[in-house]
């Protein structure tokens, strides 16, 4: 999957995808099956009456980003493109948040970690306990690795 940009002003999956991309991916993830442009257009009608061309363009872009796989069936004028998700919503979020976190830590190091701790205290103090536990596990893994290499 290609690295995808991050939009701070958005929320949720929309931080990584455009608004129509997000709507389409949510439908694709919920379905988990092969869908064609007409099926998606019908499902999107409650949001907006998007043209087939617009939806097809977005589907092709999502395919180019490695989020969907495309399969053509039929021949000639009856040819129909169908799309299916490559990754789960959860795996997509894991990969994208890791990319963002990795970039922030590479670029800003301790400053980012300090801000993360401050934000955790403000938003979810219980998360700090989880992080403490994760740090202890990481320290144990690192000391095990050091002992093996000595």
C-alpha atoms as a PDB file:
ATOM      1  CA  UNK A   1       0.000   0.000   0.000  1.00  0.00           C
ATOM      2  CA  UNK A   2       1.320   3.433  -0.915  1.00  0.00           C
ATOM      3  CA  UNK A   3       2.004   5.982   1.805  1.00  0.00           C
ATOM      4  CA  UNK A   4      -1.003   8.232   2.114  1.00  0.00           C
ATOM      5  CA  UNK A   5      -1.031  11.875   3.217  1.00  0.00           C
ATOM      6  CA  UNK A   6      -2.416  13.072   6.542  1.00  0.00           C
ATOM      7  CA  UNK A   7      -5.035  15.813   6.940  1.00  0.00           C
ATOM      8  CA  UNK A   8      -4.961  17.214  10.474  1.00  0.00           C
ATOM      9  CA  UNK A   9      -8.196  19.177  10.083  1.00  0.00           C
ATOM     10  CA  UNK A  10     -10.246  16.025   9.373  1.00  0.00           C
ATOM     11  CA  UNK A  11     -11.380  13.227  11.683  1.00  0.00           C
ATOM     12  CA  UNK A  12     -11.147   9.440  11.604  1.00  0.00           C
ATOM     13  CA  UNK A  13     -10.315   7.724   8.327  1.00  0.00           C
ATOM     14  CA  UNK A  14     -10.918  11.052   6.546  1.00  0.00           C
ATOM     15  CA  UNK A  15      -7.533  12.154   7.913  1.00  0.00           C
ATOM     16  CA  UNK A  16      -6.027   9.812   5.319  1.00  0.00           C
ATOM     17  CA  UNK A  17      -8.604   9.826   2.521  1.00  0.00           C
ATOM     18  CA  UNK A  18     -10.781  12.368   0.749  1.00  0.00           C
ATOM     19  CA  UNK A  19     -14.459  12.593   1.671  1.00  0.00           C
ATOM     20  CA  UNK A  20     -15.738  10.486  -1.250  1.00  0.00           C
ATOM     21  CA  UNK A  21     -12.834   8.059  -0.869  1.00  0.00           C
ATOM     22  CA  UNK A  22     -13.840   7.632   2.775  1.00  0.00           C
ATOM     23  CA  UNK A  23     -17.506   7.037   1.921  1.00  0.00           C
ATOM     24  CA  UNK A  24     -16.561   4.454  -0.694  1.00  0.00           C
ATOM     25  CA  UNK A  25     -14.041   2.692   1.547  1.00  0.00           C
ATOM     26  CA  UNK A  26     -16.570   2.505   4.397  1.00  0.00           C
ATOM     27  CA  UNK A  27     -19.050   0.840   2.014  1.00  0.00           C
ATOM     28  CA  UNK A  28     -16.351  -1.493   0.715  1.00  0.00           C
ATOM     29  CA  UNK A  29     -15.207  -2.461   4.228  1.00  0.00           C
ATOM     30  CA  UNK A  30     -18.788  -3.025   5.373  1.00  0.00           C
ATOM     31  CA  UNK A  31     -19.470  -5.222   2.347  1.00  0.00           C
ATOM     32  CA  UNK A  32     -16.186  -7.128   2.235  1.00  0.00           C
ATOM     33  CA  UNK A  33     -17.336  -8.397  -1.165  1.00  0.00           C
ATOM     34  CA  UNK A  34     -16.830  -7.481  -4.815  1.00  0.00           C
ATOM     35  CA  UNK A  35     -18.805  -4.344  -5.710  1.00  0.00           C
ATOM     36  CA  UNK A  36     -19.229  -2.527  -9.006  1.00  0.00           C
ATOM     37  CA  UNK A  37     -19.683   1.168  -9.693  1.00  0.00           C
ATOM     38  CA  UNK A  38     -23.480   0.876 -10.043  1.00  0.00           C
ATOM     39  CA  UNK A  39     -23.849  -0.851  -6.678  1.00  0.00           C
ATOM     40  CA  UNK A  40     -21.746   1.826  -5.020  1.00  0.00           C
ATOM     41  CA  UNK A  41     -23.609   4.618  -6.793  1.00  0.00           C
ATOM     42  CA  UNK A  42     -26.903   3.222  -5.511  1.00  0.00           C
ATOM     43  CA  UNK A  43     -25.537   2.997  -1.956  1.00  0.00           C
ATOM     44  CA  UNK A  44     -24.175   6.553  -2.133  1.00  0.00           C
ATOM     45  CA  UNK A  45     -27.430   8.114  -3.392  1.00  0.00           C
ATOM     46  CA  UNK A  46     -28.500   9.044   0.137  1.00  0.00           C
ATOM     47  CA  UNK A  47     -25.345  11.193   0.421  1.00  0.00           C
ATOM     48  CA  UNK A  48     -25.283  12.684  -3.070  1.00  0.00           C
ATOM     49  CA  UNK A  49     -26.136  11.693  -6.633  1.00  0.00           C
ATOM     50  CA  UNK A  50     -22.564  11.114  -7.819  1.00  0.00           C
ATOM     51  CA  UNK A  51     -21.973  10.369 -11.488  1.00  0.00           C
ATOM     52  CA  UNK A  52     -20.674   6.978 -12.565  1.00  0.00           C
ATOM     53  CA  UNK A  53     -17.547   8.700 -13.896  1.00  0.00           C
ATOM     54  CA  UNK A  54     -16.825  10.373 -10.549  1.00  0.00           C
ATOM     55  CA  UNK A  55     -17.215   7.125  -8.618  1.00  0.00           C
ATOM     56  CA  UNK A  56     -15.140   5.198 -11.171  1.00  0.00           C
ATOM     57  CA  UNK A  57     -12.346   7.794 -10.934  1.00  0.00           C
ATOM     58  CA  UNK A  58     -12.262   7.468  -7.147  1.00  0.00           C
ATOM     59  CA  UNK A  59     -12.344   3.656  -7.342  1.00  0.00           C
ATOM     60  CA  UNK A  60      -9.381   3.693  -9.723  1.00  0.00           C
ATOM     61  CA  UNK A  61      -7.470   6.053  -7.413  1.00  0.00           C
ATOM     62  CA  UNK A  62      -8.165   3.814  -4.422  1.00  0.00           C
ATOM     63  CA  UNK A  63      -6.953   0.889  -6.507  1.00  0.00           C
ATOM     64  CA  UNK A  64      -3.761   2.797  -7.422  1.00  0.00           C
ATOM     65  CA  UNK A  65      -3.202   3.514  -3.708  1.00  0.00           C
ATOM     66  CA  UNK A  66      -3.339  -0.224  -3.063  1.00  0.00           C
ATOM     67  CA  UNK A  67      -6.580  -0.157  -1.065  1.00  0.00           C
ATOM     68  CA  UNK A  68      -8.750  -1.940  -3.634  1.00  0.00           C
ATOM     69  CA  UNK A  69      -8.168  -4.652  -6.181  1.00  0.00           C
ATOM     70  CA  UNK A  70      -9.918  -4.378  -9.532  1.00  0.00           C
ATOM     71  CA  UNK A  71     -11.317  -7.221 -11.613  1.00  0.00           C
ATOM     72  CA  UNK A  72     -12.985  -6.903 -14.998  1.00  0.00           C
ATOM     73  CA  UNK A  73     -15.632  -9.359 -16.084  1.00  0.00           C
ATOM     74  CA  UNK A  74     -17.545  -9.676 -19.335  1.00  0.00           C
ATOM     75  CA  UNK A  75     -16.501  -8.540 -22.803  1.00  0.00           C
ATOM     76  CA  UNK A  76     -16.829  -5.503 -25.011  1.00  0.00           C
ATOM     77  CA  UNK A  77     -19.672  -3.192 -24.063  1.00  0.00           C
ATOM     78  CA  UNK A  78     -20.776  -5.626 -21.365  1.00  0.00           C
ATOM     79  CA  UNK A  79     -17.443  -5.368 -19.574  1.00  0.00           C
ATOM     80  CA  UNK A  80     -17.942  -4.635 -15.879  1.00  0.00           C
ATOM     81  CA  UNK A  81     -15.248  -3.612 -13.402  1.00  0.00           C
ATOM     82  CA  UNK A  82     -15.619  -4.856  -9.866  1.00  0.00           C
ATOM     83  CA  UNK A  83     -13.614  -3.857  -6.827  1.00  0.00           C
ATOM     84  CA  UNK A  84     -12.790  -5.455  -3.493  1.00  0.00           C
ATOM     85  CA  UNK A  85     -10.888  -4.233  -0.437  1.00  0.00           C
ATOM     86  CA  UNK A  86      -7.324  -5.428  -0.005  1.00  0.00           C
ATOM     87  CA  UNK A  87      -7.067  -4.729   3.716  1.00  0.00           C
ATOM     88  CA  UNK A  88      -9.412  -4.458   6.663  1.00  0.00           C
ATOM     89  CA  UNK A  89     -10.406  -1.096   8.147  1.00  0.00           C
ATOM     90  CA  UNK A  90      -8.410  -1.990  11.268  1.00  0.00           C
ATOM     91  CA  UNK A  91      -5.243  -2.894   9.334  1.00  0.00           C
ATOM     92  CA  UNK A  92      -5.545   0.288   7.259  1.00  0.00           C
ATOM     93  CA  UNK A  93      -5.792   2.400  10.422  1.00  0.00           C
ATOM     94  CA  UNK A  94      -2.873   0.532  12.029  1.00  0.00           C
ATOM     95  CA  UNK A  95      -0.630   1.059   9.014  1.00  0.00           C
ATOM     96  CA  UNK A  96      -1.525   4.712   8.513  1.00  0.00           C
ATOM     97  CA  UNK A  97      -1.196   5.674  12.187  1.00  0.00           C
ATOM     98  CA  UNK A  98       2.147   3.887  12.332  1.00  0.00           C
ATOM     99  CA  UNK A  99       3.352   5.853   9.283  1.00  0.00           C
ATOM    100  CA  UNK A 100       2.296   9.151  10.884  1.00  0.00           C
ATOM    101  CA  UNK A 101       3.807   8.266  14.270  1.00  0.00           C
ATOM    102  CA  UNK A 102       7.050   7.076  12.686  1.00  0.00           C
ATOM    103  CA  UNK A 103       7.378  10.287  10.674  1.00  0.00           C
ATOM    104  CA  UNK A 104       6.688  12.499  13.693  1.00  0.00           C
ATOM    105  CA  UNK A 105       9.173  10.656  15.900  1.00  0.00           C
ATOM    106  CA  UNK A 106      11.861  10.635  13.187  1.00  0.00           C
ATOM    107  CA  UNK A 107      11.422  14.373  12.637  1.00  0.00           C
ATOM    108  CA  UNK A 108      10.740  15.623  16.166  1.00  0.00           C
ATOM    109  CA  UNK A 109      11.717  12.834  18.606  1.00  0.00           C
ATOM    110  CA  UNK A 110      11.321  13.687  22.296  1.00  0.00           C
ATOM    111  CA  UNK A 111       9.038  16.638  21.615  1.00  0.00           C
ATOM    112  CA  UNK A 112       6.430  14.337  20.073  1.00  0.00           C
ATOM    113  CA  UNK A 113       6.694  11.797  22.889  1.00  0.00           C
ATOM    114  CA  UNK A 114       6.282  14.566  25.498  1.00  0.00           C
ATOM    115  CA  UNK A 115       3.218  15.892  23.690  1.00  0.00           C
ATOM    116  CA  UNK A 116       1.755  12.399  23.410  1.00  0.00           C
ATOM    117  CA  UNK A 117       2.082  11.963  27.178  1.00  0.00           C
ATOM    118  CA  UNK A 118       0.470  15.365  27.821  1.00  0.00           C
ATOM    119  CA  UNK A 119      -2.392  14.590  25.452  1.00  0.00           C
ATOM    120  CA  UNK A 120      -2.935  11.151  27.007  1.00  0.00           C
ATOM    121  CA  UNK A 121      -3.179  12.777  30.453  1.00  0.00           C
ATOM    122  CA  UNK A 122      -5.814  15.174  29.126  1.00  0.00           C
ATOM    123  CA  UNK A 123      -7.852  12.775  26.999  1.00  0.00           C
ATOM    124  CA  UNK A 124      -7.490   9.324  28.587  1.00  0.00           C
ATOM    125  CA  UNK A 125      -5.405   8.963  31.784  1.00  0.00           C
ATOM    126  CA  UNK A 126      -6.020   5.181  31.749  1.00  0.00           C
ATOM    127  CA  UNK A 127      -4.116   5.054  28.476  1.00  0.00           C
ATOM    128  CA  UNK A 128      -0.981   6.143  30.370  1.00  0.00           C
ATOM    129  CA  UNK A 129      -1.201   2.951  32.455  1.00  0.00           C
ATOM    130  CA  UNK A 130      -1.431   0.899  29.269  1.00  0.00           C
ATOM    131  CA  UNK A 131       1.590   2.723  27.846  1.00  0.00           C
ATOM    132  CA  UNK A 132       3.550   2.081  31.064  1.00  0.00           C
ATOM    133  CA  UNK A 133       2.805  -1.626  30.709  1.00  0.00           C
ATOM    134  CA  UNK A 134       3.823  -1.562  27.031  1.00  0.00           C
ATOM    135  CA  UNK A 135       7.093   0.201  27.942  1.00  0.00           C
ATOM    136  CA  UNK A 136       7.881  -2.454  30.559  1.00  0.00           C
ATOM    137  CA  UNK A 137       7.297  -5.184  27.971  1.00  0.00           C
ATOM    138  CA  UNK A 138       9.524  -3.372  25.463  1.00  0.00           C
ATOM    139  CA  UNK A 139      12.293  -3.011  28.080  1.00  0.00           C
ATOM    140  CA  UNK A 140      12.082  -6.724  28.849  1.00  0.00           C
ATOM    141  CA  UNK A 141      12.283  -7.605  25.147  1.00  0.00           C
ATOM    142  CA  UNK A 142      15.277  -5.306  24.692  1.00  0.00           C
ATOM    143  CA  UNK A 143      17.102  -6.747  27.718  1.00  0.00           C
ATOM    144  CA  UNK A 144      16.386 -10.282  26.441  1.00  0.00           C
ATOM    145  CA  UNK A 145      17.882  -9.315  23.060  1.00  0.00           C
ATOM    146  CA  UNK A 146      20.955  -7.796  24.754  1.00  0.00           C
ATOM    147  CA  UNK A 147      21.458 -10.940  26.848  1.00  0.00           C
ATOM    148  CA  UNK A 148      21.227 -13.157  23.744  1.00  0.00           C
ATOM    149  CA  UNK A 149      23.825 -11.117  21.857  1.00  0.00           C
ATOM    150  CA  UNK A 150      26.306 -11.053  24.801  1.00  0.00           C
END
